[in-house]
Each structure stands twice: as structure tokens, then as C-alpha cells.
Amino acid sequence: MLLAGALPVCASTVTYDFGQLSGGTSPSGVPPWLEATFSDNGQPSDTVQLTISAGNLSGNEFVSCWYFNLNPALDPTALNFSVSGSSGSFTDPTIQKGADSYKAGQDGKFDLLLGFSTGSGAFTAGDSLTFTITGITGLTADDFNSLSTAAGGIASYSSAAHIGGIGDGASGWINPTTSQFNSFDDGPINQRSVPDGGATLGLLGASLLAIEGLRRKLQGRPSVR
């Protein structure tokens, strides 16, 4: 029982690097043009932190809208978003929520849509924004690791964004080139690992053998009168 209580609590991060063009004109900077990271590491239960950044946009390029998915078993309208950090002078985006409610170019239907200003207060090169997401019991970062629903487009993606202000006013749809999912425990920051079920069972077995050995040794002692 003591060993079971000491087992590590799993946490996870999901990171999307945007370097793929699915329609329109490619941004002029070096990809990945955008990055989005969902993490429940270090967060209270049922809480996920989302950080989005436009580190490699350039010139007048800006994000007009950004799309994400949620685990199909969950209701996106139950999510609550609150801003917990930012860098830049942009206007906070509006957030729309609905299962398969938002079509992103040729990339299918998404559950979450972040709409940014396209004029003064645009989300542009070097800007970043962090949200704290709550509202669903058991919510984890991995719940945002789902693909868009097919809608006659060219592919399904985990996320999509529309970039405006490219060159002489062109725009383009971009998607993650790579995505990373990391799961780790709450041990020291440089020693986090996925819990090993086999090692845990072995430890429990060794403990039971030690207890049995101690019991037999005590039974073999002469009683004191």
C-alpha cells in the first residue's frame, strides 16, 4: 500500500511546430513559423496550459486565425480559457468552441477557433500568448492531440493557422510539420520518465517476499515467558 501511494503522477506535453503549407502563399521566414504547446506538467488537476508563439513570422505577416482539436469524447463548449501570460502588443483573440464547427481552408473541421485582429493589435512576429484551460474533469494535454474531421479537403491535421500580410498582401494556410508528445512523472526535472509497470510489479513482489521472510523469522523465535 505504501509503495502504491508513492507511484509517480504522469504528466504530458504536446508540441506542434508549423512548417507546412497547405494552401496559398508560404510565409517568407524560416520555418517553423509558429509553435503551439499544450502542457499539464506542474498544473493543478484538470488544468492544461497552452502557449502559442509567432517566433518566425517576418515583415508584416500576422496570424488571423488559429485552429485546434479536442478529444472527440469531450465537449469543447465546456472549456474555459483565461490569459495567464503574454509578450507583445497584440489584442487578445476571441475564442469560439464547438465540435467540428470551424472549417480551416482545405484542412477539415476543427473544434476550437482563436480569431485575432487583422489590423491594429495583430498577432505578429515575436508575439506569444499563454492560456490556462479548465472546465472538464480529467482534462490533460493529450486531449488536444486529435486530428480534424474530414470535410472534402486535402488532409486532416492536428492544428491549422491562417497567415496574412505575406509579401504584397498574400495569405496562406499552414499546419504542423512535426508534433511531439512527451509523457513524464513528477520526479526531478532531468530524470522524468514514463512509469514502468514491470518494474513496479517487481518491486511489489520483492517487498512481499521480504515481509514473508520476516514473518517466518519471528514465528521461529522461542516465546518469552
C-alpha atoms as a PDB file:
ATOM      1  CA  MET A   1       0.000   0.000   0.000  1.00  0.00           C
ATOM      2  CA  LEU A   2       2.843   2.387   0.862  1.00  0.00           C
ATOM      3  CA  LEU A   3       4.540   1.631  -2.444  1.00  0.00           C
ATOM      4  CA  ALA A   4       1.337   2.176  -4.412  1.00  0.00           C
ATOM      5  CA  GLY A   5       0.898   5.576  -2.755  1.00  0.00           C
ATOM      6  CA  ALA A   6       4.417   6.555  -3.836  1.00  0.00           C
ATOM      7  CA  LEU A   7       3.903   5.835  -7.539  1.00  0.00           C
ATOM      8  CA  PRO A   8       4.617   8.918  -9.754  1.00  0.00           C
ATOM      9  CA  VAL A   9       1.820  11.003 -11.230  1.00  0.00           C
ATOM     10  CA  CYS A  10       2.055  11.183 -15.025  1.00  0.00           C
ATOM     11  CA  ALA A  11       2.084  14.500 -16.882  1.00  0.00           C
ATOM     12  CA  SER A  12       2.413  15.301 -20.564  1.00  0.00           C
ATOM     13  CA  THR A  13       3.149  17.946 -23.178  1.00  0.00           C
ATOM     14  CA  VAL A  14       2.056  18.154 -26.819  1.00  0.00           C
ATOM     15  CA  THR A  15       4.045  20.497 -29.092  1.00  0.00           C
ATOM     16  CA  TYR A  16       3.206  21.497 -32.672  1.00  0.00           C
ATOM     17  CA  ASP A  17       5.796  23.141 -34.964  1.00  0.00           C
ATOM     18  CA  PHE A  18       4.221  24.805 -38.005  1.00  0.00           C
ATOM     19  CA  GLY A  19       6.324  24.461 -41.144  1.00  0.00           C
ATOM     20  CA  GLN A  20       3.938  23.031 -43.767  1.00  0.00           C
ATOM     21  CA  LEU A  21       1.938  24.993 -46.333  1.00  0.00           C
ATOM     22  CA  SER A  22      -1.436  23.533 -47.319  1.00  0.00           C
ATOM     23  CA  GLY A  23      -2.787  26.420 -49.390  1.00  0.00           C
ATOM     24  CA  GLY A  24      -1.989  29.934 -50.598  1.00  0.00           C
ATOM     25  CA  THR A  25       1.422  31.578 -50.205  1.00  0.00           C
ATOM     26  CA  SER A  26       4.194  30.448 -47.899  1.00  0.00           C
ATOM     27  CA  PRO A  27       5.396  32.871 -45.172  1.00  0.00           C
ATOM     28  CA  SER A  28       8.801  34.319 -46.007  1.00  0.00           C
ATOM     29  CA  GLY A  29      10.596  33.483 -42.752  1.00  0.00           C
ATOM     30  CA  VAL A  30      12.409  30.273 -41.864  1.00  0.00           C
ATOM     31  CA  PRO A  31      10.040  27.529 -40.606  1.00  0.00           C
ATOM     32  CA  PRO A  32       8.688  26.641 -38.170  1.00  0.00           C
ATOM     33  CA  TRP A  33       6.765  29.908 -38.440  1.00  0.00           C
ATOM     34  CA  LEU A  34       4.543  29.199 -35.417  1.00  0.00           C
ATOM     35  CA  GLU A  35       4.606  26.937 -32.378  1.00  0.00           C
ATOM     36  CA  ALA A  36       1.890  25.726 -30.008  1.00  0.00           C
ATOM     37  CA  THR A  37       2.485  23.762 -26.804  1.00  0.00           C
ATOM     38  CA  PHE A  38      -0.139  22.155 -24.554  1.00  0.00           C
ATOM     39  CA  SER A  39       1.145  21.067 -21.140  1.00  0.00           C
ATOM     40  CA  ASP A  40      -0.356  19.759 -17.907  1.00  0.00           C
ATOM     41  CA  ASN A  41       3.060  19.453 -16.235  1.00  0.00           C
ATOM     42  CA  GLY A  42       3.077  21.407 -12.982  1.00  0.00           C
ATOM     43  CA  GLN A  43      -0.586  22.356 -13.386  1.00  0.00           C
ATOM     44  CA  PRO A  44      -3.445  21.636 -10.961  1.00  0.00           C
ATOM     45  CA  SER A  45      -5.664  18.643 -11.740  1.00  0.00           C
ATOM     46  CA  ASP A  46      -7.952  19.064 -14.780  1.00  0.00           C
ATOM     47  CA  THR A  47      -5.860  22.027 -15.985  1.00  0.00           C
ATOM     48  CA  VAL A  48      -3.842  22.485 -19.190  1.00  0.00           C
ATOM     49  CA  GLN A  49      -1.614  25.375 -20.193  1.00  0.00           C
ATOM     50  CA  LEU A  50      -1.464  26.416 -23.866  1.00  0.00           C
ATOM     51  CA  THR A  51       1.337  28.641 -25.180  1.00  0.00           C
ATOM     52  CA  ILE A  52       1.273  29.893 -28.780  1.00  0.00           C
ATOM     53  CA  SER A  53       4.030  31.911 -30.420  1.00  0.00           C
ATOM     54  CA  ALA A  54       4.826  33.509 -33.765  1.00  0.00           C
ATOM     55  CA  GLY A  55       8.586  33.441 -33.410  1.00  0.00           C
ATOM     56  CA  ASN A  56       9.484  33.076 -37.096  1.00  0.00           C
ATOM     57  CA  LEU A  57       6.991  35.269 -38.898  1.00  0.00           C
ATOM     58  CA  SER A  58       8.606  38.270 -40.556  1.00  0.00           C
ATOM     59  CA  GLY A  59       7.809  41.677 -42.031  1.00  0.00           C
ATOM     60  CA  ASN A  60       4.075  42.440 -41.930  1.00  0.00           C
ATOM     61  CA  GLU A  61       2.987  38.815 -41.540  1.00  0.00           C
ATOM     62  CA  PHE A  62       0.367  38.093 -38.883  1.00  0.00           C
ATOM     63  CA  VAL A  63      -1.909  35.289 -37.630  1.00  0.00           C
ATOM     64  CA  SER A  64      -5.562  35.927 -38.478  1.00  0.00           C
ATOM     65  CA  CYS A  65      -6.970  32.680 -37.040  1.00  0.00           C
ATOM     66  CA  TRP A  66      -5.654  29.568 -35.319  1.00  0.00           C
ATOM     67  CA  TYR A  67      -7.499  26.219 -35.058  1.00  0.00           C
ATOM     68  CA  PHE A  68      -7.224  23.306 -32.630  1.00  0.00           C
ATOM     69  CA  ASN A  69      -8.951  19.986 -31.913  1.00  0.00           C
ATOM     70  CA  LEU A  70     -10.214  18.315 -28.758  1.00  0.00           C
ATOM     71  CA  ASN A  71     -10.687  14.652 -27.881  1.00  0.00           C
ATOM     72  CA  PRO A  72     -13.970  13.696 -29.654  1.00  0.00           C
ATOM     73  CA  ALA A  73     -15.271  12.193 -26.399  1.00  0.00           C
ATOM     74  CA  LEU A  74     -15.183  15.643 -24.745  1.00  0.00           C
ATOM     75  CA  ASP A  75     -17.356  18.743 -25.184  1.00  0.00           C
ATOM     76  CA  PRO A  76     -15.315  21.765 -26.351  1.00  0.00           C
ATOM     77  CA  THR A  77     -18.030  24.204 -25.245  1.00  0.00           C
ATOM     78  CA  ALA A  78     -17.276  23.240 -21.614  1.00  0.00           C
ATOM     79  CA  LEU A  79     -13.709  24.578 -21.824  1.00  0.00           C
ATOM     80  CA  ASN A  80     -12.742  27.804 -20.081  1.00  0.00           C
ATOM     81  CA  PHE A  81      -9.812  29.879 -21.374  1.00  0.00           C
ATOM     82  CA  SER A  82      -8.085  32.536 -19.275  1.00  0.00           C
ATOM     83  CA  VAL A  83      -4.973  34.510 -20.283  1.00  0.00           C
ATOM     84  CA  SER A  84      -2.079  33.790 -17.912  1.00  0.00           C
ATOM     85  CA  GLY A  85       0.806  35.437 -19.789  1.00  0.00           C
ATOM     86  CA  SER A  86       1.756  37.266 -22.988  1.00  0.00           C
ATOM     87  CA  SER A  87       4.557  39.023 -24.829  1.00  0.00           C
ATOM     88  CA  GLY A  88       3.778  41.689 -27.436  1.00  0.00           C
ATOM     89  CA  SER A  89       1.260  44.472 -28.027  1.00  0.00           C
ATOM     90  CA  PHE A  90      -1.469  42.456 -29.779  1.00  0.00           C
ATOM     91  CA  THR A  91      -5.168  42.297 -28.923  1.00  0.00           C
ATOM     92  CA  ASP A  92      -6.268  39.086 -27.198  1.00  0.00           C
ATOM     93  CA  PRO A  93      -8.122  36.779 -29.607  1.00  0.00           C
ATOM     94  CA  THR A  94     -11.774  35.819 -29.460  1.00  0.00           C
ATOM     95  CA  ILE A  95     -12.300  32.108 -28.773  1.00  0.00           C
ATOM     96  CA  GLN A  96     -15.064  30.060 -30.399  1.00  0.00           C
ATOM     97  CA  LYS A  97     -15.852  26.492 -29.300  1.00  0.00           C
ATOM     98  CA  GLY A  98     -17.924  23.769 -30.950  1.00  0.00           C
ATOM     99  CA  ALA A  99     -17.368  20.189 -32.084  1.00  0.00           C
ATOM    100  CA  ASP A 100     -16.379  20.112 -35.793  1.00  0.00           C
ATOM    101  CA  SER A 101     -17.724  23.660 -36.142  1.00  0.00           C
ATOM    102  CA  TYR A 102     -14.869  25.515 -37.840  1.00  0.00           C
ATOM    103  CA  LYS A 103     -13.566  24.826 -41.332  1.00  0.00           C
ATOM    104  CA  ALA A 104      -9.907  25.746 -41.909  1.00  0.00           C
ATOM    105  CA  GLY A 105      -9.151  26.136 -45.607  1.00  0.00           C
ATOM    106  CA  GLN A 106      -8.645  22.647 -47.028  1.00  0.00           C
ATOM    107  CA  ASP A 107      -7.722  21.165 -43.664  1.00  0.00           C
ATOM    108  CA  GLY A 108     -11.043  19.832 -42.352  1.00  0.00           C
ATOM    109  CA  LYS A 109     -13.246  20.837 -39.428  1.00  0.00           C
ATOM    110  CA  PHE A 110     -11.853  21.828 -36.033  1.00  0.00           C
ATOM    111  CA  ASP A 111     -13.326  22.258 -32.535  1.00  0.00           C
ATOM    112  CA  LEU A 112     -11.615  25.474 -31.381  1.00  0.00           C
ATOM    113  CA  LEU A 113     -11.030  28.739 -33.222  1.00  0.00           C
ATOM    114  CA  LEU A 114      -8.882  31.610 -31.996  1.00  0.00           C
ATOM    115  CA  GLY A 115      -9.656  34.746 -34.004  1.00  0.00           C
ATOM    116  CA  PHE A 116      -7.063  37.548 -33.972  1.00  0.00           C
ATOM    117  CA  SER A 117      -7.199  41.179 -35.054  1.00  0.00           C
ATOM    118  CA  THR A 118      -6.067  41.728 -38.658  1.00  0.00           C
ATOM    119  CA  GLY A 119      -5.392  45.438 -38.197  1.00  0.00           C
ATOM    120  CA  SER A 120      -4.023  47.299 -35.221  1.00  0.00           C
ATOM    121  CA  GLY A 121      -3.228  44.810 -32.470  1.00  0.00           C
ATOM    122  CA  ALA A 122      -2.377  41.910 -34.816  1.00  0.00           C
ATOM    123  CA  PHE A 123      -0.557  38.819 -33.525  1.00  0.00           C
ATOM    124  CA  THR A 124       2.727  39.060 -35.403  1.00  0.00           C
ATOM    125  CA  ALA A 125       6.459  38.301 -35.411  1.00  0.00           C
ATOM    126  CA  GLY A 126       7.832  37.603 -31.929  1.00  0.00           C
ATOM    127  CA  ASP A 127       4.467  37.653 -30.137  1.00  0.00           C
ATOM    128  CA  SER A 128       3.430  34.928 -27.696  1.00  0.00           C
ATOM    129  CA  LEU A 129       0.361  34.199 -25.579  1.00  0.00           C
ATOM    130  CA  THR A 130      -0.352  31.704 -22.779  1.00  0.00           C
ATOM    131  CA  PHE A 131      -3.767  30.415 -21.734  1.00  0.00           C
ATOM    132  CA  THR A 132      -4.853  28.373 -18.736  1.00  0.00           C
ATOM    133  CA  ILE A 133      -7.561  25.926 -19.847  1.00  0.00           C
ATOM    134  CA  THR A 134     -10.046  24.343 -17.412  1.00  0.00           C
ATOM    135  CA  GLY A 135     -13.672  23.203 -17.330  1.00  0.00           C
ATOM    136  CA  ILE A 136     -13.514  19.444 -17.973  1.00  0.00           C
ATOM    137  CA  THR A 137     -12.824  16.832 -15.297  1.00  0.00           C
ATOM    138  CA  GLY A 138      -9.744  14.757 -16.140  1.00  0.00           C
ATOM    139  CA  LEU A 139      -8.525  17.183 -18.853  1.00  0.00           C
ATOM    140  CA  THR A 140      -4.927  16.547 -19.984  1.00  0.00           C
ATOM    141  CA  ALA A 141      -2.598  17.881 -22.668  1.00  0.00           C
ATOM    142  CA  ASP A 142      -3.120  14.722 -24.707  1.00  0.00           C
ATOM    143  CA  ASP A 143      -6.815  15.627 -25.113  1.00  0.00           C
ATOM    144  CA  PHE A 144      -5.662  18.281 -27.622  1.00  0.00           C
ATOM    145  CA  ASN A 145      -3.785  15.700 -29.689  1.00  0.00           C
ATOM    146  CA  SER A 146      -6.521  14.845 -32.228  1.00  0.00           C
ATOM    147  CA  LEU A 147      -6.981  15.270 -35.979  1.00  0.00           C
ATOM    148  CA  SER A 148      -9.511  17.463 -37.742  1.00  0.00           C
ATOM    149  CA  THR A 149     -12.640  15.841 -39.198  1.00  0.00           C
ATOM    150  CA  ALA A 150     -12.501  15.322 -42.964  1.00  0.00           C
ATOM    151  CA  ALA A 151     -14.536  17.860 -44.905  1.00  0.00           C
ATOM    152  CA  GLY A 152     -13.599  17.404 -48.544  1.00  0.00           C
ATOM    153  CA  GLY A 153     -10.130  18.833 -48.004  1.00  0.00           C
ATOM    154  CA  ILE A 154      -6.685  17.523 -48.815  1.00  0.00           C
ATOM    155  CA  ALA A 155      -5.842  16.088 -45.361  1.00  0.00           C
ATOM    156  CA  SER A 156      -6.609  16.020 -41.638  1.00  0.00           C
ATOM    157  CA  TYR A 157      -4.386  17.959 -39.261  1.00  0.00           C
ATOM    158  CA  SER A 158      -3.899  18.385 -35.531  1.00  0.00           C
ATOM    159  CA  SER A 159      -3.939  22.176 -35.926  1.00  0.00           C
ATOM    160  CA  ALA A 160      -4.063  24.884 -38.592  1.00  0.00           C
ATOM    161  CA  ALA A 161      -3.411  28.603 -38.848  1.00  0.00           C
ATOM    162  CA  HIS A 162      -4.051  31.310 -41.430  1.00  0.00           C
ATOM    163  CA  ILE A 163      -1.271  33.824 -42.048  1.00  0.00           C
ATOM    164  CA  GLY A 164      -1.945  37.217 -43.661  1.00  0.00           C
ATOM    165  CA  GLY A 165       0.305  40.060 -44.785  1.00  0.00           C
ATOM    166  CA  ILE A 166       2.658  37.819 -46.771  1.00  0.00           C
ATOM    167  CA  GLY A 167       4.625  39.723 -49.404  1.00  0.00           C
ATOM    168  CA  ASP A 168       2.336  42.202 -51.146  1.00  0.00           C
ATOM    169  CA  GLY A 169      -0.736  41.197 -49.174  1.00  0.00           C
ATOM    170  CA  ALA A 170      -0.986  37.469 -49.934  1.00  0.00           C
ATOM    171  CA  SER A 171      -2.004  34.871 -47.347  1.00  0.00           C
ATOM    172  CA  GLY A 172      -1.503  31.181 -46.660  1.00  0.00           C
ATOM    173  CA  TRP A 173      -2.743  28.203 -44.632  1.00  0.00           C
ATOM    174  CA  ILE A 174      -0.088  26.420 -42.583  1.00  0.00           C
ATOM    175  CA  ASN A 175      -0.030  23.239 -40.470  1.00  0.00           C
ATOM    176  CA  PRO A 176       2.336  21.401 -38.136  1.00  0.00           C
ATOM    177  CA  THR A 177       5.279  19.779 -39.872  1.00  0.00           C
ATOM    178  CA  THR A 178       6.133  17.935 -36.684  1.00  0.00           C
ATOM    179  CA  SER A 179       4.382  17.193 -33.432  1.00  0.00           C
ATOM    180  CA  GLN A 180       5.899  15.901 -30.211  1.00  0.00           C
ATOM    181  CA  PHE A 181       4.170  14.091 -27.357  1.00  0.00           C
ATOM    182  CA  ASN A 182       6.103  13.687 -24.134  1.00  0.00           C
ATOM    183  CA  SER A 183       4.907  11.886 -21.012  1.00  0.00           C
ATOM    184  CA  PHE A 184       6.817  12.052 -17.756  1.00  0.00           C
ATOM    185  CA  ASP A 185       6.447  11.774 -13.982  1.00  0.00           C
ATOM    186  CA  ASP A 186       6.863  14.377 -11.270  1.00  0.00           C
ATOM    187  CA  GLY A 187      10.412  13.389 -10.330  1.00  0.00           C
ATOM    188  CA  PRO A 188      13.487  15.648 -10.676  1.00  0.00           C
ATOM    189  CA  ILE A 189      13.255  17.705 -13.861  1.00  0.00           C
ATOM    190  CA  ASN A 190      16.169  15.894 -15.577  1.00  0.00           C
ATOM    191  CA  GLN A 191      15.044  12.408 -14.537  1.00  0.00           C
ATOM    192  CA  ARG A 192      11.438  12.269 -15.648  1.00  0.00           C
ATOM    193  CA  SER A 193      10.310   9.073 -17.305  1.00  0.00           C
ATOM    194  CA  VAL A 194       7.207   7.100 -18.156  1.00  0.00           C
ATOM    195  CA  PRO A 195       6.330   4.802 -15.213  1.00  0.00           C
ATOM    196  CA  ASP A 196       7.478   1.208 -15.856  1.00  0.00           C
ATOM    197  CA  GLY A 197       4.694  -1.226 -14.933  1.00  0.00           C
ATOM    198  CA  GLY A 198       7.067  -4.224 -14.979  1.00  0.00           C
ATOM    199  CA  ALA A 199       9.498  -2.560 -12.576  1.00  0.00           C
ATOM    200  CA  THR A 200       6.661  -1.597 -10.254  1.00  0.00           C
ATOM    201  CA  LEU A 201       5.352  -5.180 -10.105  1.00  0.00           C
ATOM    202  CA  GLY A 202       8.860  -6.459  -9.468  1.00  0.00           C
ATOM    203  CA  LEU A 203       9.302  -4.044  -6.573  1.00  0.00           C
ATOM    204  CA  LEU A 204       5.969  -5.051  -5.064  1.00  0.00           C
ATOM    205  CA  GLY A 205       6.890  -8.746  -5.373  1.00  0.00           C
ATOM    206  CA  ALA A 206      10.254  -8.232  -3.667  1.00  0.00           C
ATOM    207  CA  SER A 207       8.576  -6.359  -0.837  1.00  0.00           C
ATOM    208  CA  LEU A 208       6.061  -9.164  -0.260  1.00  0.00           C
ATOM    209  CA  LEU A 209       8.857 -11.752  -0.160  1.00  0.00           C
ATOM    210  CA  ALA A 210      10.741  -9.676   2.405  1.00  0.00           C
ATOM    211  CA  ILE A 211       7.621  -9.370   4.580  1.00  0.00           C
ATOM    212  CA  GLU A 212       7.008 -13.133   4.414  1.00  0.00           C
ATOM    213  CA  GLY A 213      10.612 -13.830   5.376  1.00  0.00           C
ATOM    214  CA  LEU A 214      10.343 -11.532   8.386  1.00  0.00           C
ATOM    215  CA  ARG A 215       7.082 -13.202   9.444  1.00  0.00           C
ATOM    216  CA  ARG A 216       8.673 -16.677   9.379  1.00  0.00           C
ATOM    217  CA  LYS A 217      11.703 -15.466  11.316  1.00  0.00           C
ATOM    218  CA  LEU A 218       9.511 -14.049  14.044  1.00  0.00           C
ATOM    219  CA  GLN A 219       7.481 -17.278  14.212  1.00  0.00           C
ATOM    220  CA  GLY A 220      10.674 -19.278  14.720  1.00  0.00           C
ATOM    221  CA  ARG A 221      11.747 -17.345  17.816  1.00  0.00           C
ATOM    222  CA  PRO A 222      11.145 -19.005  21.221  1.00  0.00           C
ATOM    223  CA  SER A 223       8.401 -17.313  23.185  1.00  0.00           C
ATOM    224  CA  VAL A 224       9.366 -15.303  26.272  1.00  0.00           C
ATOM    225  CA  ARG A 225       7.553 -16.312  29.477  1.00  0.00           C
END
